[in-house]
C-alpha atoms as a PDB file:
ATOM      1  CA  MET A   1     -24.687  29.188  -4.472  1.00  0.00           C
ATOM      2  CA  LEU A   2     -25.949  26.702  -1.972  1.00  0.00           C
ATOM      3  CA  SER A   3     -25.854  23.985  -4.865  1.00  0.00           C
ATOM      4  CA  LEU A   4     -22.174  24.902  -5.459  1.00  0.00           C
ATOM      5  CA  ILE A   5     -21.187  24.563  -1.762  1.00  0.00           C
ATOM      6  CA  ALA A   6     -23.029  21.102  -1.629  1.00  0.00           C
ATOM      7  CA  ALA A   7     -21.300  19.953  -4.759  1.00  0.00           C
ATOM      8  CA  LEU A   8     -17.983  20.951  -3.405  1.00  0.00           C
ATOM      9  CA  LEU A   9     -18.663  19.160  -0.036  1.00  0.00           C
ATOM     10  CA  ILE A  10     -19.628  15.939  -1.943  1.00  0.00           C
ATOM     11  CA  ILE A  11     -16.413  16.412  -3.929  1.00  0.00           C
ATOM     12  CA  ILE A  12     -14.317  16.644  -0.826  1.00  0.00           C
ATOM     13  CA  THR A  13     -16.043  13.846   0.867  1.00  0.00           C
ATOM     14  CA  VAL A  14     -15.538  11.484  -2.117  1.00  0.00           C
ATOM     15  CA  CYS A  15     -11.855  12.507  -2.398  1.00  0.00           C
ATOM     16  CA  TYR A  16     -11.356  11.783   1.282  1.00  0.00           C
ATOM     17  CA  LEU A  17     -13.200   8.394   1.189  1.00  0.00           C
ATOM     18  CA  VAL A  18     -11.258   7.259  -1.784  1.00  0.00           C
ATOM     19  CA  PHE A  19      -7.656   8.599  -0.570  1.00  0.00           C
ATOM     20  CA  PHE A  20      -8.037   7.983   3.135  1.00  0.00           C
ATOM     21  CA  VAL A  21     -10.552   5.146   3.595  1.00  0.00           C
ATOM     22  CA  PHE A  22     -11.222   2.846   0.642  1.00  0.00           C
ATOM     23  CA  PHE A  23      -7.769   2.983  -1.005  1.00  0.00           C
ATOM     24  CA  PRO A  24      -5.910   2.121   2.254  1.00  0.00           C
ATOM     25  CA  LEU A  25      -8.453  -0.463   3.395  1.00  0.00           C
ATOM     26  CA  GLY A  26      -7.630  -2.601   0.281  1.00  0.00           C
ATOM     27  CA  ARG A  27      -3.868  -2.463   0.910  1.00  0.00           C
ATOM     28  CA  GLY A  28      -3.149  -1.547   4.554  1.00  0.00           C
ATOM     29  CA  ALA A  29      -4.254   0.577   7.375  1.00  0.00           C
ATOM     30  CA  VAL A  30      -6.465   3.559   7.434  1.00  0.00           C
ATOM     31  CA  PHE A  31      -4.669   6.779   7.943  1.00  0.00           C
ATOM     32  CA  PHE A  32      -4.904   8.235  11.490  1.00  0.00           C
ATOM     33  CA  PRO A  33      -2.265  11.032  12.024  1.00  0.00           C
ATOM     34  CA  SER A  34      -0.168  10.373  15.190  1.00  0.00           C
ATOM     35  CA  ARG A  35       0.054  13.117  17.925  1.00  0.00           C
ATOM     36  CA  ARG A  36       3.519  14.771  17.680  1.00  0.00           C
ATOM     37  CA  SER A  37       4.183  13.343  21.257  1.00  0.00           C
ATOM     38  CA  HIS A  38       3.421   9.745  19.964  1.00  0.00           C
ATOM     39  CA  ALA A  39       5.791  10.311  16.866  1.00  0.00           C
ATOM     40  CA  GLN A  40       8.598  11.800  19.378  1.00  0.00           C
ATOM     41  CA  ARG A  41       8.234   8.894  21.702  1.00  0.00           C
ATOM     42  CA  MET A  42       8.455   6.132  18.958  1.00  0.00           C
ATOM     43  CA  ALA A  43      11.592   7.866  17.611  1.00  0.00           C
ATOM     44  CA  GLU A  44      13.009   7.935  20.990  1.00  0.00           C
ATOM     45  CA  LEU A  45      12.051   4.395  21.808  1.00  0.00           C
ATOM     46  CA  SER A  46      13.684   3.172  18.524  1.00  0.00           C
ATOM     47  CA  GLY A  47      17.169   4.214  20.004  1.00  0.00           C
ATOM     48  CA  VAL A  48      18.515   5.688  16.687  1.00  0.00           C
ATOM     49  CA  ALA A  49      21.542   7.649  16.668  1.00  0.00           C
ATOM     50  CA  TYR A  50      23.685   9.143  13.815  1.00  0.00           C
ATOM     51  CA  GLY A  51      24.805   6.560  11.134  1.00  0.00           C
ATOM     52  CA  ASP A  52      21.641   4.512  11.900  1.00  0.00           C
ATOM     53  CA  ARG A  53      19.289   3.998   9.211  1.00  0.00           C
ATOM     54  CA  ALA A  54      15.509   3.881  10.186  1.00  0.00           C
ATOM     55  CA  VAL A  55      12.262   3.223   8.455  1.00  0.00           C
ATOM     56  CA  ASP A  56       8.717   3.858   9.158  1.00  0.00           C
ATOM     57  CA  LEU A  57       6.303   1.415   7.632  1.00  0.00           C
ATOM     58  CA  GLY A  58       3.283   3.134   6.314  1.00  0.00           C
ATOM     59  CA  SER A  59       4.464   6.634   6.979  1.00  0.00           C
ATOM     60  CA  GLY A  60       1.160   8.487   6.623  1.00  0.00           C
ATOM     61  CA  ASP A  61       2.136  12.221   6.701  1.00  0.00           C
ATOM     62  CA  GLY A  62       5.865  11.825   7.610  1.00  0.00           C
ATOM     63  CA  ARG A  63       5.731  12.724  11.264  1.00  0.00           C
ATOM     64  CA  VAL A  64       7.682   9.678  12.507  1.00  0.00           C
ATOM     65  CA  VAL A  65      10.121   9.789   9.470  1.00  0.00           C
ATOM     66  CA  ILE A  66      10.674  13.455  10.589  1.00  0.00           C
ATOM     67  CA  GLU A  67      11.463  12.665  14.297  1.00  0.00           C
ATOM     68  CA  LEU A  68      13.670   9.753  13.304  1.00  0.00           C
ATOM     69  CA  ALA A  69      15.853  12.165  11.097  1.00  0.00           C
ATOM     70  CA  ARG A  70      15.754  14.784  13.897  1.00  0.00           C
ATOM     71  CA  ARG A  71      17.572  12.184  16.122  1.00  0.00           C
ATOM     72  CA  GLY A  72      20.145  11.929  13.466  1.00  0.00           C
ATOM     73  CA  ALA A  73      19.227   8.585  11.352  1.00  0.00           C
ATOM     74  CA  GLU A  74      18.962   8.346   7.731  1.00  0.00           C
ATOM     75  CA  SER A  75      15.260   7.880   7.685  1.00  0.00           C
ATOM     76  CA  HIS A  76      12.853   6.426   5.127  1.00  0.00           C
ATOM     77  CA  GLY A  77       9.055   6.191   4.973  1.00  0.00           C
ATOM     78  CA  TYR A  78       7.185   3.817   2.844  1.00  0.00           C
ATOM     79  CA  GLU A  79       3.683   4.898   1.968  1.00  0.00           C
ATOM     80  CA  ILE A  80       1.281   3.465  -0.715  1.00  0.00           C
ATOM     81  CA  ASN A  81      -1.276   6.549  -0.666  1.00  0.00           C
ATOM     82  CA  PRO A  82      -0.089   9.025  -3.180  1.00  0.00           C
ATOM     83  CA  ALA A  83      -1.853  11.979  -1.470  1.00  0.00           C
ATOM     84  CA  LEU A  84      -0.027  11.157   1.847  1.00  0.00           C
ATOM     85  CA  VAL A  85       3.269  10.777  -0.065  1.00  0.00           C
ATOM     86  CA  VAL A  86       2.705  14.291  -1.629  1.00  0.00           C
ATOM     87  CA  LEU A  87       1.986  15.717   2.037  1.00  0.00           C
ATOM     88  CA  SER A  88       4.781  13.842   3.800  1.00  0.00           C
ATOM     89  CA  ARG A  89       7.365  15.179   1.209  1.00  0.00           C
ATOM     90  CA  TRP A  90       6.082  18.616   1.771  1.00  0.00           C
ATOM     91  CA  ASN A  91       6.323  18.115   5.603  1.00  0.00           C
ATOM     92  CA  VAL A  92       9.990  16.753   5.310  1.00  0.00           C
ATOM     93  CA  ARG A  93      10.955  19.904   3.193  1.00  0.00           C
ATOM     94  CA  ARG A  94       9.475  22.298   5.325  1.00  0.00           C
ATOM     95  CA  ALA A  95      11.196  20.668   8.443  1.00  0.00           C
ATOM     96  CA  GLY A  96      14.451  21.184   6.486  1.00  0.00           C
ATOM     97  CA  LEU A  97      15.166  17.512   6.472  1.00  0.00           C
ATOM     98  CA  SER A  98      15.488  16.717   2.638  1.00  0.00           C
ATOM     99  CA  GLY A  99      18.841  15.231   3.041  1.00  0.00           C
ATOM    100  CA  ARG A 100      18.112  12.913   5.745  1.00  0.00           C
ATOM    101  CA  ALA A 101      14.509  11.876   5.435  1.00  0.00           C
ATOM    102  CA  HIS A 102      13.227  10.223   2.524  1.00  0.00           C
ATOM    103  CA  ILE A 103       9.702   9.283   1.519  1.00  0.00           C
ATOM    104  CA  HIS A 104       8.974   6.490  -0.970  1.00  0.00           C
ATOM    105  CA  TRP A 105       5.821   5.855  -2.834  1.00  0.00           C
ATOM    106  CA  ARG A 106       5.860   2.098  -2.473  1.00  0.00           C
ATOM    107  CA  SER A 107       4.393  -0.787  -0.506  1.00  0.00           C
ATOM    108  CA  PHE A 108       6.872  -1.839   2.303  1.00  0.00           C
ATOM    109  CA  TRP A 109       5.973  -5.437   1.617  1.00  0.00           C
ATOM    110  CA  ARG A 110       8.180  -5.188  -1.382  1.00  0.00           C
ATOM    111  CA  VAL A 111      11.164  -3.571   0.331  1.00  0.00           C
ATOM    112  CA  ASP A 112      13.896  -5.746   1.896  1.00  0.00           C
ATOM    113  CA  LEU A 113      14.363  -4.314   5.567  1.00  0.00           C
ATOM    114  CA  GLY A 114      17.754  -5.859   6.107  1.00  0.00           C
ATOM    115  CA  SER A 115      19.660  -2.712   5.845  1.00  0.00           C
ATOM    116  CA  PHE A 116      17.673  -0.955   8.596  1.00  0.00           C
ATOM    117  CA  HIS A 117      18.813  -0.535  12.481  1.00  0.00           C
ATOM    118  CA  ALA A 118      15.185   0.524  13.465  1.00  0.00           C
ATOM    119  CA  VAL A 119      11.712  -0.163  12.212  1.00  0.00           C
ATOM    120  CA  THR A 120       8.641   1.997  13.494  1.00  0.00           C
ATOM    121  CA  VAL A 121       5.090   0.965  12.576  1.00  0.00           C
ATOM    122  CA  PHE A 122       1.421   1.726  13.388  1.00  0.00           C
ATOM    123  CA  GLN A 123      -0.638  -0.539  11.436  1.00  0.00           C
ATOM    124  CA  GLY A 124      -3.705  -2.573  11.993  1.00  0.00           C
ATOM    125  CA  SER A 125      -3.973  -5.986  13.915  1.00  0.00           C
ATOM    126  CA  PHE A 126      -4.630  -7.792  10.783  1.00  0.00           C
ATOM    127  CA  ILE A 127      -1.291  -7.585   9.309  1.00  0.00           C
ATOM    128  CA  MET A 128       1.001  -7.847  12.336  1.00  0.00           C
ATOM    129  CA  GLN A 129       1.318 -11.776  11.963  1.00  0.00           C
ATOM    130  CA  ARG A 130       2.519 -11.356   8.204  1.00  0.00           C
ATOM    131  CA  LEU A 131       4.789  -8.391   9.492  1.00  0.00           C
ATOM    132  CA  GLU A 132       6.182 -10.426  12.353  1.00  0.00           C
ATOM    133  CA  ARG A 133       7.414 -13.199   9.785  1.00  0.00           C
ATOM    134  CA  LYS A 134       8.785 -10.378   7.458  1.00  0.00           C
ATOM    135  CA  VAL A 135      10.928  -8.616  10.218  1.00  0.00           C
ATOM    136  CA  LEU A 136      12.149 -11.910  11.628  1.00  0.00           C
ATOM    137  CA  ARG A 137      13.235 -13.017   8.076  1.00  0.00           C
ATOM    138  CA  GLU A 138      14.677  -9.775   6.946  1.00  0.00           C
ATOM    139  CA  LEU A 139      16.229  -7.817  10.038  1.00  0.00           C
ATOM    140  CA  THR A 140      19.585  -8.726  11.435  1.00  0.00           C
ATOM    141  CA  GLY A 141      20.381  -9.091  15.050  1.00  0.00           C
ATOM    142  CA  GLY A 142      20.312  -5.849  17.131  1.00  0.00           C
ATOM    143  CA  ALA A 143      17.527  -4.163  15.042  1.00  0.00           C
ATOM    144  CA  ARG A 144      14.807  -2.680  16.886  1.00  0.00           C
ATOM    145  CA  ILE A 145      10.976  -2.386  16.147  1.00  0.00           C
ATOM    146  CA  VAL A 146       8.766   0.071  17.696  1.00  0.00           C
ATOM    147  CA  SER A 147       5.040  -0.619  17.177  1.00  0.00           C
ATOM    148  CA  ASP A 148       2.282   1.693  18.424  1.00  0.00           C
ATOM    149  CA  TYR A 149      -0.765  -0.014  19.799  1.00  0.00           C
ATOM    150  CA  TRP A 150      -0.544  -3.204  17.918  1.00  0.00           C
ATOM    151  CA  LYS A 151       1.636  -6.161  19.084  1.00  0.00           C
ATOM    152  CA  PHE A 152       3.277  -8.984  17.311  1.00  0.00           C
ATOM    153  CA  PRO A 153       1.476 -12.226  18.110  1.00  0.00           C
ATOM    154  CA  HIS A 154       4.485 -14.475  18.980  1.00  0.00           C
ATOM    155  CA  VAL A 155       7.432 -12.368  19.665  1.00  0.00           C
ATOM    156  CA  LYS A 156       7.558 -11.012  23.175  1.00  0.00           C
ATOM    157  CA  PRO A 157       8.453  -7.308  23.629  1.00  0.00           C
ATOM    158  CA  ALA A 158      11.545  -6.214  25.519  1.00  0.00           C
ATOM    159  CA  LEU A 159       9.726  -3.116  26.775  1.00  0.00           C
ATOM    160  CA  VAL A 160       6.080  -1.897  26.882  1.00  0.00           C
ATOM    161  CA  LEU A 161       5.435   1.770  27.370  1.00  0.00           C
ATOM    162  CA  GLY A 162       1.765   2.584  27.473  1.00  0.00           C
ATOM    163  CA  THR A 163       0.686   1.619  24.160  1.00  0.00           C
ATOM    164  CA  MET A 164       4.114   1.154  22.540  1.00  0.00           C
ATOM    165  CA  TYR A 165       5.930  -2.085  22.087  1.00  0.00           C
ATOM    166  CA  LEU A 166       9.718  -2.216  21.536  1.00  0.00           C
ATOM    167  CA  TYR A 167      11.097  -5.452  20.158  1.00  0.00           C
ATOM    168  CA  ARG A 168      14.770  -6.352  19.684  1.00  0.00           C
ATOM    169  CA  ILE A 169      15.619  -8.835  16.936  1.00  0.00           C
ATOM    170  CA  GLY A 170      18.199 -11.524  18.075  1.00  0.00           C
ATOM    171  CA  ALA A 171      18.719  -9.976  21.413  1.00  0.00           C
END
């Protein structure tokens, strides 16, 4: 019985390391779930309203996507981790937001962000310079970006609130 428990713990540990540490490290940031209060604050800072399109880059378990949809936006999340895609889609259904919140199993690097009014992101520092170039190239004037913890290296934030940075494109 003890060996069965040990085997199960090893399998669970290996699955966790593969899906939540090693897999993301090769493609993006490691998953750290945001507190609900942080997800709410990011959505609030984004300034989304009914009719807006919002996107969360590296959407994890879907918390920010759900909060953006609760504020009236058509919200999208892009996530490369298949386990997190399944979890976040389940969270969206459980929140009753299937028609307003959409989770895509795809790298956000391959998505044109030009149709979005607001972007939220919680990634690692090592991608912020590349992401800064992407959003400046693709977003239109008036678009808003909220980043939790990590700053863009060259663009100055319009507002800093604790660990969150609000950027306005073309403002």
